[in-house]
Amino acid sequence: MTDLPKLSGPNVEPISGYTRNLVILLHGYGANGDDLIGLANPLSEFLPDTAFISPNAPYPCAQNPFGGLQWFDVWEADSRDRLTQIELASATIDEFINVELEKRSLLDKNLALLGFSQGTMLSLHVGVRRSKCPAGILGYSGRLEAPEKLGTDLIVRPQVMLIHGEEDPLLSIDLMQAAADELRENGVKVDTHSRPGLAHGIDQEGIMLGAEFLSRIFEINN
């Protein structure tokens, strides 16, 4: 694809001053890059050599006109149009990843995608379709888009951790298990964690689980 939107957003450089890894955080529907960049501080305690960047989605969100953005229209009823939007957003993120890795002289093995909600959908969609395998995908409160295409589209098999609130009113926790089942059927290693009492969000335990996952996959690849 050509003429893809150019992404930018807040970033946090490694506290060690040396960049060995990169985490790209993809925010949810109606939010923006500021929504997730706050995770960089607690995660940096476990990942001192890791840079974090949280790009803003390129499109305004009608449901949240005051600074809210979207990667694609979650209310799109036509499955073909929805998939077209998802693929455009994925291509945009894929190009952004390439630029950010090259800027830091890093490889895909030094990359992790961290998503929340719509950002998880895109992290999963992009991560298994990269030409080279990322270290991993950490997804909160999301689901797998176009599962029927996974078997034919899948190129690489990064490690995946999915974390989901048991009381999520927007995206049922059943969607986490459905995503995990589909990924596992296609040879992807997936860890899942249910968070009792949690609605559509990320809690402290979820952050700790994510930090342990990211530490593990980067240690393996460095």
N, C-alpha and C. Protein backbone atom coordinates (compact mmCIF):
# COMPACT_ATOMS: atom_id res chain seq x y z
N MET A 1 0.83 -1.19 0.00
CA MET A 1 0.00 0.00 0.00
C MET A 1 0.87 1.25 0.00
N THR A 2 0.39 2.30 -0.62
CA THR A 2 1.12 3.56 -0.67
C THR A 2 0.32 4.65 0.03
N ASP A 3 1.01 5.75 0.33
CA ASP A 3 0.36 6.90 0.95
C ASP A 3 -0.35 6.52 2.25
N LEU A 4 0.29 5.69 3.04
CA LEU A 4 -0.27 5.34 4.34
C LEU A 4 -0.12 6.50 5.31
N PRO A 5 -1.04 6.63 6.26
CA PRO A 5 -0.89 7.68 7.27
C PRO A 5 0.42 7.53 8.04
N LYS A 6 1.03 8.65 8.37
CA LYS A 6 2.26 8.64 9.16
C LYS A 6 1.90 8.80 10.63
N LEU A 7 2.43 7.93 11.45
CA LEU A 7 2.08 7.92 12.86
C LEU A 7 3.15 8.59 13.70
N SER A 8 2.71 9.16 14.80
CA SER A 8 3.61 9.70 15.81
C SER A 8 2.89 9.66 17.15
N GLY A 9 3.64 9.78 18.21
CA GLY A 9 3.03 9.75 19.52
C GLY A 9 4.08 9.85 20.61
N PRO A 10 3.64 9.89 21.86
CA PRO A 10 4.59 10.02 22.97
C PRO A 10 5.50 8.81 23.08
N ASN A 11 6.70 9.06 23.58
CA ASN A 11 7.65 7.97 23.76
C ASN A 11 8.45 8.16 25.04
N VAL A 12 9.00 7.07 25.53
CA VAL A 12 9.86 7.08 26.72
C VAL A 12 11.11 6.29 26.36
N GLU A 13 12.25 6.93 26.50
CA GLU A 13 13.52 6.28 26.18
C GLU A 13 13.98 5.40 27.35
N PRO A 14 14.87 4.45 27.09
CA PRO A 14 15.32 3.53 28.15
C PRO A 14 15.96 4.27 29.33
N ILE A 15 15.65 3.82 30.53
CA ILE A 15 16.22 4.47 31.70
C ILE A 15 17.71 4.18 31.83
N SER A 16 18.18 3.12 31.16
CA SER A 16 19.61 2.80 31.20
C SER A 16 20.41 3.67 30.24
N GLY A 17 19.71 4.30 29.29
CA GLY A 17 20.40 5.07 28.26
C GLY A 17 20.85 4.25 27.08
N TYR A 18 20.57 2.94 27.12
CA TYR A 18 20.98 2.04 26.03
C TYR A 18 19.76 1.27 25.55
N THR A 19 19.48 1.31 24.25
CA THR A 19 18.28 0.68 23.70
C THR A 19 18.59 -0.72 23.15
N ARG A 20 18.05 -1.72 23.84
CA ARG A 20 18.18 -3.10 23.35
C ARG A 20 16.86 -3.62 22.79
N ASN A 21 15.75 -3.03 23.26
CA ASN A 21 14.43 -3.53 22.89
C ASN A 21 13.47 -2.35 22.68
N LEU A 22 12.36 -2.66 22.00
CA LEU A 22 11.33 -1.67 21.73
C LEU A 22 9.96 -2.27 21.99
N VAL A 23 9.14 -1.56 22.74
CA VAL A 23 7.74 -1.92 22.93
C VAL A 23 6.89 -0.84 22.28
N ILE A 24 6.05 -1.25 21.34
CA ILE A 24 5.09 -0.33 20.70
C ILE A 24 3.73 -0.59 21.31
N LEU A 25 3.15 0.46 21.90
CA LEU A 25 1.87 0.35 22.59
C LEU A 25 0.77 0.90 21.69
N LEU A 26 -0.26 0.09 21.46
CA LEU A 26 -1.37 0.48 20.59
C LEU A 26 -2.63 0.66 21.43
N HIS A 27 -3.11 1.89 21.46
CA HIS A 27 -4.23 2.25 22.33
C HIS A 27 -5.57 1.75 21.79
N GLY A 28 -6.59 1.90 22.61
CA GLY A 28 -7.92 1.45 22.25
C GLY A 28 -8.75 2.50 21.54
N TYR A 29 -9.95 2.11 21.19
CA TYR A 29 -10.91 2.96 20.48
C TYR A 29 -11.28 4.17 21.33
N GLY A 30 -11.19 5.35 20.73
CA GLY A 30 -11.60 6.57 21.42
C GLY A 30 -10.55 7.14 22.35
N ALA A 31 -9.34 6.55 22.36
CA ALA A 31 -8.27 7.05 23.21
C ALA A 31 -7.21 7.69 22.31
N ASN A 32 -5.99 7.79 22.81
CA ASN A 32 -4.86 8.26 22.01
C ASN A 32 -3.58 7.73 22.65
N GLY A 33 -2.44 8.11 22.09
CA GLY A 33 -1.19 7.55 22.58
C GLY A 33 -0.89 7.84 24.03
N ASP A 34 -1.40 8.94 24.55
CA ASP A 34 -1.18 9.27 25.96
C ASP A 34 -1.83 8.26 26.90
N ASP A 35 -2.82 7.54 26.40
CA ASP A 35 -3.58 6.63 27.25
C ASP A 35 -2.72 5.47 27.76
N LEU A 36 -1.77 5.01 26.95
CA LEU A 36 -0.97 3.84 27.34
C LEU A 36 0.47 4.16 27.69
N ILE A 37 0.97 5.33 27.31
CA ILE A 37 2.38 5.60 27.53
C ILE A 37 2.73 5.59 29.02
N GLY A 38 1.73 5.80 29.87
CA GLY A 38 1.97 5.73 31.31
C GLY A 38 2.43 4.37 31.78
N LEU A 39 2.20 3.32 30.98
CA LEU A 39 2.67 1.99 31.34
C LEU A 39 4.19 1.89 31.25
N ALA A 40 4.81 2.81 30.51
CA ALA A 40 6.26 2.74 30.34
C ALA A 40 7.00 2.83 31.67
N ASN A 41 6.51 3.66 32.58
CA ASN A 41 7.23 3.85 33.84
C ASN A 41 7.29 2.58 34.68
N PRO A 42 6.17 1.92 34.98
CA PRO A 42 6.28 0.68 35.76
C PRO A 42 6.98 -0.44 35.00
N LEU A 43 6.81 -0.49 33.69
CA LEU A 43 7.46 -1.55 32.92
C LEU A 43 8.97 -1.33 32.83
N SER A 44 9.39 -0.07 32.81
CA SER A 44 10.82 0.24 32.71
C SER A 44 11.60 -0.28 33.91
N GLU A 45 10.95 -0.42 35.04
CA GLU A 45 11.63 -0.96 36.21
C GLU A 45 12.13 -2.37 35.95
N PHE A 46 11.42 -3.11 35.10
CA PHE A 46 11.81 -4.47 34.74
C PHE A 46 12.57 -4.52 33.42
N LEU A 47 12.44 -3.45 32.63
CA LEU A 47 13.00 -3.41 31.28
C LEU A 47 13.80 -2.13 31.09
N PRO A 48 14.92 -2.00 31.79
CA PRO A 48 15.67 -0.74 31.77
C PRO A 48 16.29 -0.40 30.41
N ASP A 49 16.47 -1.42 29.55
CA ASP A 49 17.07 -1.19 28.24
C ASP A 49 16.03 -1.11 27.12
N THR A 50 14.79 -0.82 27.48
CA THR A 50 13.69 -0.84 26.52
C THR A 50 13.13 0.55 26.29
N ALA A 51 12.92 0.87 25.01
CA ALA A 51 12.24 2.11 24.62
C ALA A 51 10.76 1.81 24.42
N PHE A 52 9.92 2.79 24.71
CA PHE A 52 8.48 2.65 24.56
C PHE A 52 7.96 3.80 23.70
N ILE A 53 7.08 3.46 22.76
CA ILE A 53 6.44 4.50 21.96
C ILE A 53 4.97 4.11 21.77
N SER A 54 4.10 5.11 21.91
CA SER A 54 2.66 4.88 21.86
C SER A 54 2.04 5.78 20.79
N PRO A 55 1.99 5.30 19.54
CA PRO A 55 1.51 6.16 18.45
C PRO A 55 0.02 6.48 18.56
N ASN A 56 -0.33 7.64 18.07
CA ASN A 56 -1.73 8.03 17.98
C ASN A 56 -2.35 7.42 16.74
N ALA A 57 -3.55 6.86 16.88
CA ALA A 57 -4.29 6.39 15.70
C ALA A 57 -4.55 7.57 14.77
N PRO A 58 -4.65 7.32 13.47
CA PRO A 58 -4.72 8.44 12.51
C PRO A 58 -6.10 9.03 12.30
N TYR A 59 -7.16 8.43 12.87
CA TYR A 59 -8.50 8.88 12.52
C TYR A 59 -9.26 9.37 13.75
N PRO A 60 -10.01 10.46 13.62
CA PRO A 60 -10.82 10.95 14.74
C PRO A 60 -11.94 9.97 15.06
N CYS A 61 -12.33 9.96 16.31
CA CYS A 61 -13.38 9.06 16.78
C CYS A 61 -14.65 9.86 17.06
N ALA A 62 -15.71 9.55 16.33
CA ALA A 62 -16.96 10.28 16.48
C ALA A 62 -17.56 10.11 17.87
N GLN A 63 -17.29 8.97 18.51
CA GLN A 63 -17.84 8.70 19.83
C GLN A 63 -17.13 9.49 20.92
N ASN A 64 -15.93 9.99 20.62
CA ASN A 64 -15.17 10.79 21.58
C ASN A 64 -14.48 11.91 20.82
N PRO A 65 -15.22 12.96 20.45
CA PRO A 65 -14.67 14.03 19.61
C PRO A 65 -13.62 14.90 20.28
N PHE A 66 -13.45 14.77 21.59
CA PHE A 66 -12.51 15.63 22.31
C PHE A 66 -11.17 14.91 22.48
N GLY A 67 -10.47 14.76 21.37
CA GLY A 67 -9.14 14.14 21.41
C GLY A 67 -9.13 12.65 21.22
N GLY A 68 -10.30 12.04 21.09
CA GLY A 68 -10.37 10.61 20.90
C GLY A 68 -10.05 10.20 19.47
N LEU A 69 -9.34 9.11 19.31
CA LEU A 69 -8.94 8.63 17.99
C LEU A 69 -9.30 7.16 17.83
N GLN A 70 -9.27 6.71 16.58
CA GLN A 70 -9.57 5.30 16.32
C GLN A 70 -8.66 4.78 15.21
N TRP A 71 -8.40 3.48 15.27
CA TRP A 71 -7.63 2.80 14.23
C TRP A 71 -8.55 2.38 13.09
N PHE A 72 -9.77 2.01 13.45
CA PHE A 72 -10.80 1.68 12.46
C PHE A 72 -12.15 1.82 13.15
N ASP A 73 -13.20 1.82 12.36
CA ASP A 73 -14.56 2.04 12.87
C ASP A 73 -15.09 0.74 13.47
N VAL A 74 -15.22 0.71 14.79
CA VAL A 74 -15.68 -0.51 15.45
C VAL A 74 -17.15 -0.81 15.15
N TRP A 75 -17.88 0.21 14.67
CA TRP A 75 -19.31 0.02 14.42
C TRP A 75 -19.59 -0.38 12.98
N GLU A 76 -18.56 -0.58 12.17
CA GLU A 76 -18.75 -0.97 10.78
C GLU A 76 -19.45 -2.33 10.72
N ALA A 77 -20.66 -2.34 10.14
CA ALA A 77 -21.46 -3.56 10.11
C ALA A 77 -21.06 -4.50 8.98
N ASP A 78 -20.60 -3.95 7.87
CA ASP A 78 -20.21 -4.75 6.72
C ASP A 78 -18.85 -5.40 6.99
N SER A 79 -18.81 -6.73 7.05
CA SER A 79 -17.59 -7.43 7.43
C SER A 79 -16.46 -7.18 6.43
N ARG A 80 -16.81 -7.01 5.15
CA ARG A 80 -15.76 -6.75 4.15
C ARG A 80 -15.15 -5.37 4.34
N ASP A 81 -16.00 -4.37 4.58
CA ASP A 81 -15.49 -3.03 4.81
C ASP A 81 -14.68 -2.97 6.11
N ARG A 82 -15.15 -3.69 7.11
CA ARG A 82 -14.43 -3.73 8.39
C ARG A 82 -13.04 -4.33 8.19
N LEU A 83 -12.97 -5.44 7.46
CA LEU A 83 -11.69 -6.08 7.22
C LEU A 83 -10.77 -5.16 6.41
N THR A 84 -11.33 -4.45 5.45
CA THR A 84 -10.53 -3.50 4.67
C THR A 84 -9.91 -2.44 5.58
N GLN A 85 -10.72 -1.92 6.52
CA GLN A 85 -10.22 -0.92 7.46
C GLN A 85 -9.13 -1.51 8.36
N ILE A 86 -9.34 -2.73 8.82
CA ILE A 86 -8.36 -3.38 9.68
C ILE A 86 -7.04 -3.59 8.93
N GLU A 87 -7.14 -4.01 7.69
CA GLU A 87 -5.93 -4.25 6.90
C GLU A 87 -5.19 -2.95 6.60
N LEU A 88 -5.92 -1.84 6.39
CA LEU A 88 -5.29 -0.55 6.20
C LEU A 88 -4.57 -0.11 7.47
N ALA A 89 -5.25 -0.26 8.61
CA ALA A 89 -4.63 0.09 9.88
C ALA A 89 -3.41 -0.77 10.14
N SER A 90 -3.50 -2.05 9.81
CA SER A 90 -2.38 -2.97 10.02
C SER A 90 -1.19 -2.59 9.16
N ALA A 91 -1.45 -2.23 7.91
CA ALA A 91 -0.37 -1.81 7.02
C ALA A 91 0.30 -0.53 7.54
N THR A 92 -0.51 0.37 8.07
CA THR A 92 0.01 1.62 8.63
C THR A 92 0.93 1.33 9.82
N ILE A 93 0.48 0.44 10.70
CA ILE A 93 1.29 0.09 11.87
C ILE A 93 2.54 -0.68 11.45
N ASP A 94 2.40 -1.55 10.48
CA ASP A 94 3.54 -2.34 10.00
C ASP A 94 4.65 -1.42 9.49
N GLU A 95 4.26 -0.41 8.73
CA GLU A 95 5.24 0.55 8.23
C GLU A 95 5.87 1.33 9.37
N PHE A 96 5.05 1.72 10.33
CA PHE A 96 5.56 2.45 11.50
C PHE A 96 6.59 1.60 12.25
N ILE A 97 6.31 0.33 12.42
CA ILE A 97 7.24 -0.59 13.09
C ILE A 97 8.58 -0.60 12.35
N ASN A 98 8.52 -0.74 11.04
CA ASN A 98 9.75 -0.79 10.26
C ASN A 98 10.60 0.46 10.47
N VAL A 99 9.94 1.62 10.45
CA VAL A 99 10.66 2.88 10.63
C VAL A 99 11.30 2.95 12.01
N GLU A 100 10.54 2.58 13.05
CA GLU A 100 11.04 2.70 14.41
C GLU A 100 12.16 1.70 14.69
N LEU A 101 12.07 0.50 14.15
CA LEU A 101 13.15 -0.48 14.32
C LEU A 101 14.42 0.00 13.63
N GLU A 102 14.27 0.49 12.40
CA GLU A 102 15.45 0.96 11.66
C GLU A 102 16.09 2.15 12.36
N LYS A 103 15.26 3.04 12.89
CA LYS A 103 15.76 4.22 13.58
C LYS A 103 16.66 3.83 14.75
N ARG A 104 16.35 2.70 15.40
CA ARG A 104 17.09 2.27 16.59
C ARG A 104 18.06 1.13 16.29
N SER A 105 18.18 0.75 15.03
CA SER A 105 19.05 -0.36 14.62
C SER A 105 18.70 -1.64 15.37
N LEU A 106 17.40 -1.92 15.46
CA LEU A 106 16.90 -3.12 16.13
C LEU A 106 16.28 -4.07 15.11
N LEU A 107 16.15 -5.32 15.53
CA LEU A 107 15.52 -6.35 14.72
C LEU A 107 14.16 -6.70 15.30
N ASP A 108 13.37 -7.45 14.55
CA ASP A 108 12.05 -7.86 15.04
C ASP A 108 12.15 -8.66 16.33
N LYS A 109 13.23 -9.39 16.52
CA LYS A 109 13.38 -10.18 17.75
C LYS A 109 13.50 -9.28 18.98
N ASN A 110 13.76 -7.99 18.75
CA ASN A 110 13.85 -7.02 19.84
C ASN A 110 12.57 -6.22 20.02
N LEU A 111 11.49 -6.64 19.34
CA LEU A 111 10.23 -5.90 19.32
C LEU A 111 9.12 -6.66 20.03
N ALA A 112 8.34 -5.94 20.82
CA ALA A 112 7.08 -6.48 21.34
C ALA A 112 5.97 -5.47 21.07
N LEU A 113 4.81 -6.00 20.77
CA LEU A 113 3.61 -5.18 20.61
C LEU A 113 2.75 -5.33 21.85
N LEU A 114 2.29 -4.20 22.38
CA LEU A 114 1.41 -4.20 23.54
C LEU A 114 0.14 -3.45 23.15
N GLY A 115 -0.99 -4.12 23.25
CA GLY A 115 -2.23 -3.48 22.85
C GLY A 115 -3.28 -3.53 23.93
N PHE A 116 -4.19 -2.58 23.86
CA PHE A 116 -5.37 -2.58 24.71
C PHE A 116 -6.61 -2.49 23.83
N SER A 117 -7.56 -3.40 24.00
CA SER A 117 -8.84 -3.38 23.30
C SER A 117 -8.63 -3.38 21.78
N GLN A 118 -8.98 -2.30 21.09
CA GLN A 118 -8.77 -2.25 19.65
C GLN A 118 -7.28 -2.38 19.32
N GLY A 119 -6.43 -1.89 20.20
CA GLY A 119 -5.00 -2.04 20.00
C GLY A 119 -4.54 -3.48 20.09
N THR A 120 -5.22 -4.28 20.92
CA THR A 120 -4.92 -5.71 20.98
C THR A 120 -5.32 -6.39 19.68
N MET A 121 -6.48 -6.03 19.15
CA MET A 121 -6.93 -6.59 17.88
C MET A 121 -5.88 -6.37 16.80
N LEU A 122 -5.35 -5.16 16.75
CA LEU A 122 -4.36 -4.84 15.73
C LEU A 122 -3.00 -5.46 16.03
N SER A 123 -2.63 -5.52 17.29
CA SER A 123 -1.36 -6.17 17.64
C SER A 123 -1.35 -7.62 17.19
N LEU A 124 -2.45 -8.31 17.42
CA LEU A 124 -2.54 -9.70 16.99
C LEU A 124 -2.56 -9.81 15.47
N HIS A 125 -3.28 -8.91 14.83
CA HIS A 125 -3.40 -8.96 13.37
C HIS A 125 -2.05 -8.70 12.71
N VAL A 126 -1.34 -7.69 13.20
CA VAL A 126 -0.05 -7.32 12.62
C VAL A 126 1.04 -8.31 13.00
N GLY A 127 1.08 -8.67 14.27
CA GLY A 127 2.22 -9.42 14.80
C GLY A 127 2.48 -10.75 14.14
N VAL A 128 1.42 -11.46 13.77
CA VAL A 128 1.61 -12.78 13.16
C VAL A 128 1.76 -12.71 11.64
N ARG A 129 1.67 -11.49 11.11
CA ARG A 129 1.80 -11.29 9.66
C ARG A 129 3.08 -10.55 9.28
N ARG A 130 3.95 -10.27 10.25
CA ARG A 130 5.23 -9.67 9.95
C ARG A 130 6.08 -10.64 9.14
N SER A 131 6.99 -10.12 8.34
CA SER A 131 7.87 -11.00 7.56
C SER A 131 8.89 -11.70 8.45
N LYS A 132 9.23 -11.05 9.59
CA LYS A 132 10.11 -11.66 10.58
C LYS A 132 9.43 -11.60 11.94
N CYS A 133 9.76 -12.54 12.79
CA CYS A 133 8.97 -12.76 14.01
C CYS A 133 9.32 -11.79 15.13
N PRO A 134 8.35 -11.04 15.63
CA PRO A 134 8.58 -10.23 16.84
C PRO A 134 8.82 -11.13 18.04
N ALA A 135 9.38 -10.54 19.09
CA ALA A 135 9.59 -11.30 20.32
C ALA A 135 8.27 -11.75 20.93
N GLY A 136 7.26 -10.87 20.88
CA GLY A 136 5.99 -11.25 21.47
C GLY A 136 4.91 -10.21 21.32
N ILE A 137 3.71 -10.62 21.72
CA ILE A 137 2.53 -9.76 21.70
C ILE A 137 1.87 -9.86 23.07
N LEU A 138 1.64 -8.72 23.69
CA LEU A 138 0.95 -8.63 24.98
C LEU A 138 -0.36 -7.91 24.75
N GLY A 139 -1.48 -8.60 24.93
CA GLY A 139 -2.78 -8.02 24.63
C GLY A 139 -3.70 -7.98 25.83
N TYR A 140 -4.27 -6.80 26.08
CA TYR A 140 -5.23 -6.62 27.17
C TYR A 140 -6.62 -6.37 26.58
N SER A 141 -7.61 -7.09 27.09
CA SER A 141 -9.03 -6.80 26.83
C SER A 141 -9.36 -6.69 25.35
N GLY A 142 -8.91 -7.65 24.57
CA GLY A 142 -9.15 -7.59 23.13
C GLY A 142 -9.79 -8.84 22.57
N ARG A 143 -9.59 -9.04 21.27
CA ARG A 143 -10.09 -10.23 20.60
C ARG A 143 -9.29 -10.42 19.31
N LEU A 144 -9.50 -11.54 18.65
CA LEU A 144 -8.85 -11.83 17.38
C LEU A 144 -9.79 -11.47 16.25
N GLU A 145 -9.37 -10.55 15.40
CA GLU A 145 -10.16 -10.17 14.24
C GLU A 145 -9.91 -11.15 13.09
N ALA A 146 -10.95 -11.38 12.29
CA ALA A 146 -10.88 -12.25 11.10
C ALA A 146 -10.21 -13.58 11.41
N PRO A 147 -10.69 -14.31 12.41
CA PRO A 147 -10.05 -15.59 12.74
C PRO A 147 -10.06 -16.59 11.60
N GLU A 148 -11.03 -16.44 10.70
CA GLU A 148 -11.11 -17.36 9.56
C GLU A 148 -9.95 -17.20 8.59
N LYS A 149 -9.23 -16.07 8.68
CA LYS A 149 -8.11 -15.82 7.78
C LYS A 149 -6.77 -16.17 8.39
N LEU A 150 -6.76 -16.51 9.67
CA LEU A 150 -5.50 -16.70 10.37
C LEU A 150 -4.68 -17.83 9.74
N GLY A 151 -5.31 -18.94 9.46
CA GLY A 151 -4.58 -20.09 8.94
C GLY A 151 -3.86 -19.83 7.64
N THR A 152 -4.45 -19.01 6.77
CA THR A 152 -3.82 -18.72 5.48
C THR A 152 -2.90 -17.51 5.54
N ASP A 153 -3.14 -16.59 6.48
CA ASP A 153 -2.35 -15.35 6.55
C ASP A 153 -1.13 -15.45 7.45
N LEU A 154 -1.16 -16.35 8.42
CA LEU A 154 -0.11 -16.40 9.43
C LEU A 154 1.25 -16.70 8.80
N ILE A 155 2.22 -15.88 9.17
CA ILE A 155 3.59 -16.03 8.65
C ILE A 155 4.55 -16.42 9.77
N VAL A 156 4.43 -15.78 10.93
CA VAL A 156 5.33 -16.03 12.06
C VAL A 156 4.51 -16.33 13.31
N ARG A 157 5.20 -16.86 14.31
CA ARG A 157 4.51 -17.29 15.53
C ARG A 157 5.19 -16.70 16.77
N PRO A 158 4.98 -15.42 17.03
CA PRO A 158 5.53 -14.82 18.26
C PRO A 158 4.83 -15.38 19.48
N GLN A 159 5.50 -15.30 20.61
CA GLN A 159 4.84 -15.67 21.87
C GLN A 159 3.78 -14.62 22.19
N VAL A 160 2.68 -15.09 22.77
CA VAL A 160 1.53 -14.22 23.05
C VAL A 160 1.09 -14.39 24.50
N MET A 161 0.77 -13.27 25.13
CA MET A 161 0.08 -13.30 26.42
C MET A 161 -1.17 -12.44 26.31
N LEU A 162 -2.31 -13.00 26.71
CA LEU A 162 -3.58 -12.28 26.70
C LEU A 162 -4.10 -12.18 28.13
N ILE A 163 -4.53 -10.98 28.51
CA ILE A 163 -5.03 -10.69 29.85
C ILE A 163 -6.38 -9.99 29.70
N HIS A 164 -7.37 -10.42 30.48
CA HIS A 164 -8.74 -9.92 30.26
C HIS A 164 -9.50 -9.91 31.58
N GLY A 165 -10.26 -8.86 31.79
CA GLY A 165 -11.11 -8.76 32.98
C GLY A 165 -12.33 -9.66 32.88
N GLU A 166 -12.63 -10.35 33.95
CA GLU A 166 -13.77 -11.26 33.95
C GLU A 166 -15.10 -10.53 33.89
N GLU A 167 -15.12 -9.25 34.27
CA GLU A 167 -16.36 -8.47 34.28
C GLU A 167 -16.39 -7.44 33.15
N ASP A 168 -15.64 -7.67 32.09
CA ASP A 168 -15.59 -6.73 30.96
C ASP A 168 -16.95 -6.65 30.27
N PRO A 169 -17.61 -5.48 30.29
CA PRO A 169 -18.93 -5.35 29.68
C PRO A 169 -18.87 -5.04 28.18
N LEU A 170 -17.70 -4.67 27.68
CA LEU A 170 -17.57 -4.29 26.27
C LEU A 170 -17.10 -5.43 25.39
N LEU A 171 -16.12 -6.14 25.87
CA LEU A 171 -15.60 -7.30 25.14
C LEU A 171 -15.56 -8.46 26.14
N SER A 172 -16.43 -9.42 25.94
CA SER A 172 -16.56 -10.52 26.88
C SER A 172 -15.24 -11.28 27.02
N ILE A 173 -14.99 -11.77 28.21
CA ILE A 173 -13.78 -12.55 28.45
C ILE A 173 -13.75 -13.81 27.58
N ASP A 174 -14.91 -14.27 27.13
CA ASP A 174 -14.94 -15.43 26.24
C ASP A 174 -14.15 -15.17 24.96
N LEU A 175 -14.04 -13.90 24.57
CA LEU A 175 -13.30 -13.56 23.36
C LEU A 175 -11.81 -13.81 23.53
N MET A 176 -11.32 -13.68 24.76
CA MET A 176 -9.92 -14.00 25.00
C MET A 176 -9.66 -15.48 24.76
N GLN A 177 -10.53 -16.32 25.30
CA GLN A 177 -10.33 -17.76 25.14
C GLN A 177 -10.49 -18.19 23.68
N ALA A 178 -11.44 -17.56 22.99
CA ALA A 178 -11.63 -17.87 21.57
C ALA A 178 -10.39 -17.51 20.76
N ALA A 179 -9.80 -16.36 21.08
CA ALA A 179 -8.57 -15.93 20.39
C ALA A 179 -7.44 -16.90 20.70
N ALA A 180 -7.30 -17.26 21.96
CA ALA A 180 -6.23 -18.17 22.34
C ALA A 180 -6.38 -19.53 21.66
N ASP A 181 -7.60 -20.03 21.61
CA ASP A 181 -7.85 -21.33 20.97
C ASP A 181 -7.46 -21.30 19.50
N GLU A 182 -7.86 -20.23 18.81
CA GLU A 182 -7.57 -20.13 17.38
C GLU A 182 -6.07 -20.00 17.14
N LEU A 183 -5.40 -19.19 17.94
CA LEU A 183 -3.96 -19.03 17.80
C LEU A 183 -3.23 -20.35 18.08
N ARG A 184 -3.64 -21.05 19.12
CA ARG A 184 -2.99 -22.32 19.46
C ARG A 184 -3.20 -23.35 18.37
N GLU A 185 -4.38 -23.36 17.77
CA GLU A 185 -4.64 -24.30 16.68
C GLU A 185 -3.70 -24.06 15.50
N ASN A 186 -3.17 -22.85 15.42
CA ASN A 186 -2.25 -22.50 14.34
C ASN A 186 -0.80 -22.44 14.81
N GLY A 187 -0.52 -23.08 15.93
CA GLY A 187 0.85 -23.26 16.37
C GLY A 187 1.46 -22.11 17.14
N VAL A 188 0.64 -21.16 17.60
CA VAL A 188 1.15 -20.01 18.36
C VAL A 188 1.07 -20.33 19.85
N LYS A 189 2.15 -20.09 20.57
CA LYS A 189 2.16 -20.31 22.01
C LYS A 189 1.46 -19.14 22.70
N VAL A 190 0.43 -19.43 23.49
CA VAL A 190 -0.38 -18.38 24.12
C VAL A 190 -0.55 -18.67 25.61
N ASP A 191 -0.28 -17.68 26.44
CA ASP A 191 -0.63 -17.71 27.86
C ASP A 191 -1.83 -16.79 28.07
N THR A 192 -2.78 -17.22 28.88
CA THR A 192 -3.95 -16.40 29.17
C THR A 192 -4.10 -16.19 30.67
N HIS A 193 -4.61 -15.02 31.02
CA HIS A 193 -4.85 -14.70 32.42
C HIS A 193 -6.18 -13.97 32.56
N SER A 194 -7.06 -14.49 33.38
CA SER A 194 -8.33 -13.84 33.70
C SER A 194 -8.15 -13.02 34.98
N ARG A 195 -8.72 -11.81 34.97
CA ARG A 195 -8.61 -10.95 36.14
C ARG A 195 -9.97 -10.80 36.81
N PRO A 196 -10.17 -11.47 37.96
CA PRO A 196 -11.45 -11.41 38.66
C PRO A 196 -11.83 -9.98 39.04
N GLY A 197 -13.10 -9.63 38.82
CA GLY A 197 -13.61 -8.33 39.23
C GLY A 197 -13.24 -7.17 38.33
N LEU A 198 -12.40 -7.41 37.33
CA LEU A 198 -11.94 -6.32 36.47
C LEU A 198 -12.88 -6.14 35.29
N ALA A 199 -13.20 -4.87 34.99
CA ALA A 199 -14.04 -4.57 33.83
C ALA A 199 -13.13 -4.37 32.61
N HIS A 200 -13.39 -3.35 31.81
CA HIS A 200 -12.61 -3.12 30.59
C HIS A 200 -11.43 -2.22 30.94
N GLY A 201 -10.34 -2.82 31.34
CA GLY A 201 -9.21 -2.02 31.79
C GLY A 201 -7.99 -2.88 32.07
N ILE A 202 -6.97 -2.25 32.66
CA ILE A 202 -5.73 -2.91 33.03
C ILE A 202 -5.49 -2.64 34.50
N ASP A 203 -5.31 -3.69 35.29
CA ASP A 203 -5.06 -3.50 36.71
C ASP A 203 -3.59 -3.75 37.04
N GLN A 204 -3.23 -3.54 38.29
CA GLN A 204 -1.84 -3.65 38.70
C GLN A 204 -1.30 -5.07 38.49
N GLU A 205 -2.12 -6.06 38.77
CA GLU A 205 -1.68 -7.44 38.55
C GLU A 205 -1.44 -7.70 37.07
N GLY A 206 -2.28 -7.13 36.22
CA GLY A 206 -2.09 -7.26 34.79
C GLY A 206 -0.79 -6.64 34.32
N ILE A 207 -0.44 -5.49 34.92
CA ILE A 207 0.84 -4.85 34.58
C ILE A 207 2.00 -5.73 35.00
N MET A 208 1.92 -6.32 36.17
CA MET A 208 2.99 -7.19 36.65
C MET A 208 3.14 -8.43 35.78
N LEU A 209 2.02 -9.01 35.41
CA LEU A 209 2.07 -10.18 34.52
C LEU A 209 2.70 -9.80 33.18
N GLY A 210 2.32 -8.63 32.67
CA GLY A 210 2.88 -8.16 31.42
C GLY A 210 4.37 -7.90 31.53
N ALA A 211 4.81 -7.32 32.64
CA ALA A 211 6.23 -7.05 32.84
C ALA A 211 7.04 -8.35 32.87
N GLU A 212 6.51 -9.36 33.53
CA GLU A 212 7.20 -10.65 33.59
C GLU A 212 7.28 -11.28 32.20
N PHE A 213 6.20 -11.17 31.44
CA PHE A 213 6.18 -11.72 30.08
C PHE A 213 7.20 -11.02 29.19
N LEU A 214 7.21 -9.70 29.21
CA LEU A 214 8.14 -8.95 28.37
C LEU A 214 9.59 -9.21 28.78
N SER A 215 9.84 -9.28 30.07
CA SER A 215 11.19 -9.57 30.53
C SER A 215 11.65 -10.93 30.03
N ARG A 216 10.77 -11.89 30.08
CA ARG A 216 11.12 -13.26 29.65
C ARG A 216 11.42 -13.33 28.16
N ILE A 217 10.53 -12.75 27.35
CA ILE A 217 10.74 -12.90 25.90
C ILE A 217 11.96 -12.11 25.41
N PHE A 218 12.23 -10.97 26.04
CA PHE A 218 13.41 -10.22 25.62
C PHE A 218 14.69 -10.89 26.10
N GLU A 219 14.66 -11.50 27.27
CA GLU A 219 15.84 -12.21 27.78
C GLU A 219 16.18 -13.38 26.85
N ILE A 220 15.16 -14.05 26.36
CA ILE A 220 15.37 -15.19 25.45
C ILE A 220 16.05 -14.72 24.17
N ASN A 221 15.64 -13.56 23.66
CA ASN A 221 16.08 -13.12 22.35
C ASN A 221 17.33 -12.25 22.34
N ASN A 222 17.82 -11.88 23.49
CA ASN A 222 19.04 -11.04 23.54
C ASN A 222 20.25 -11.84 23.99
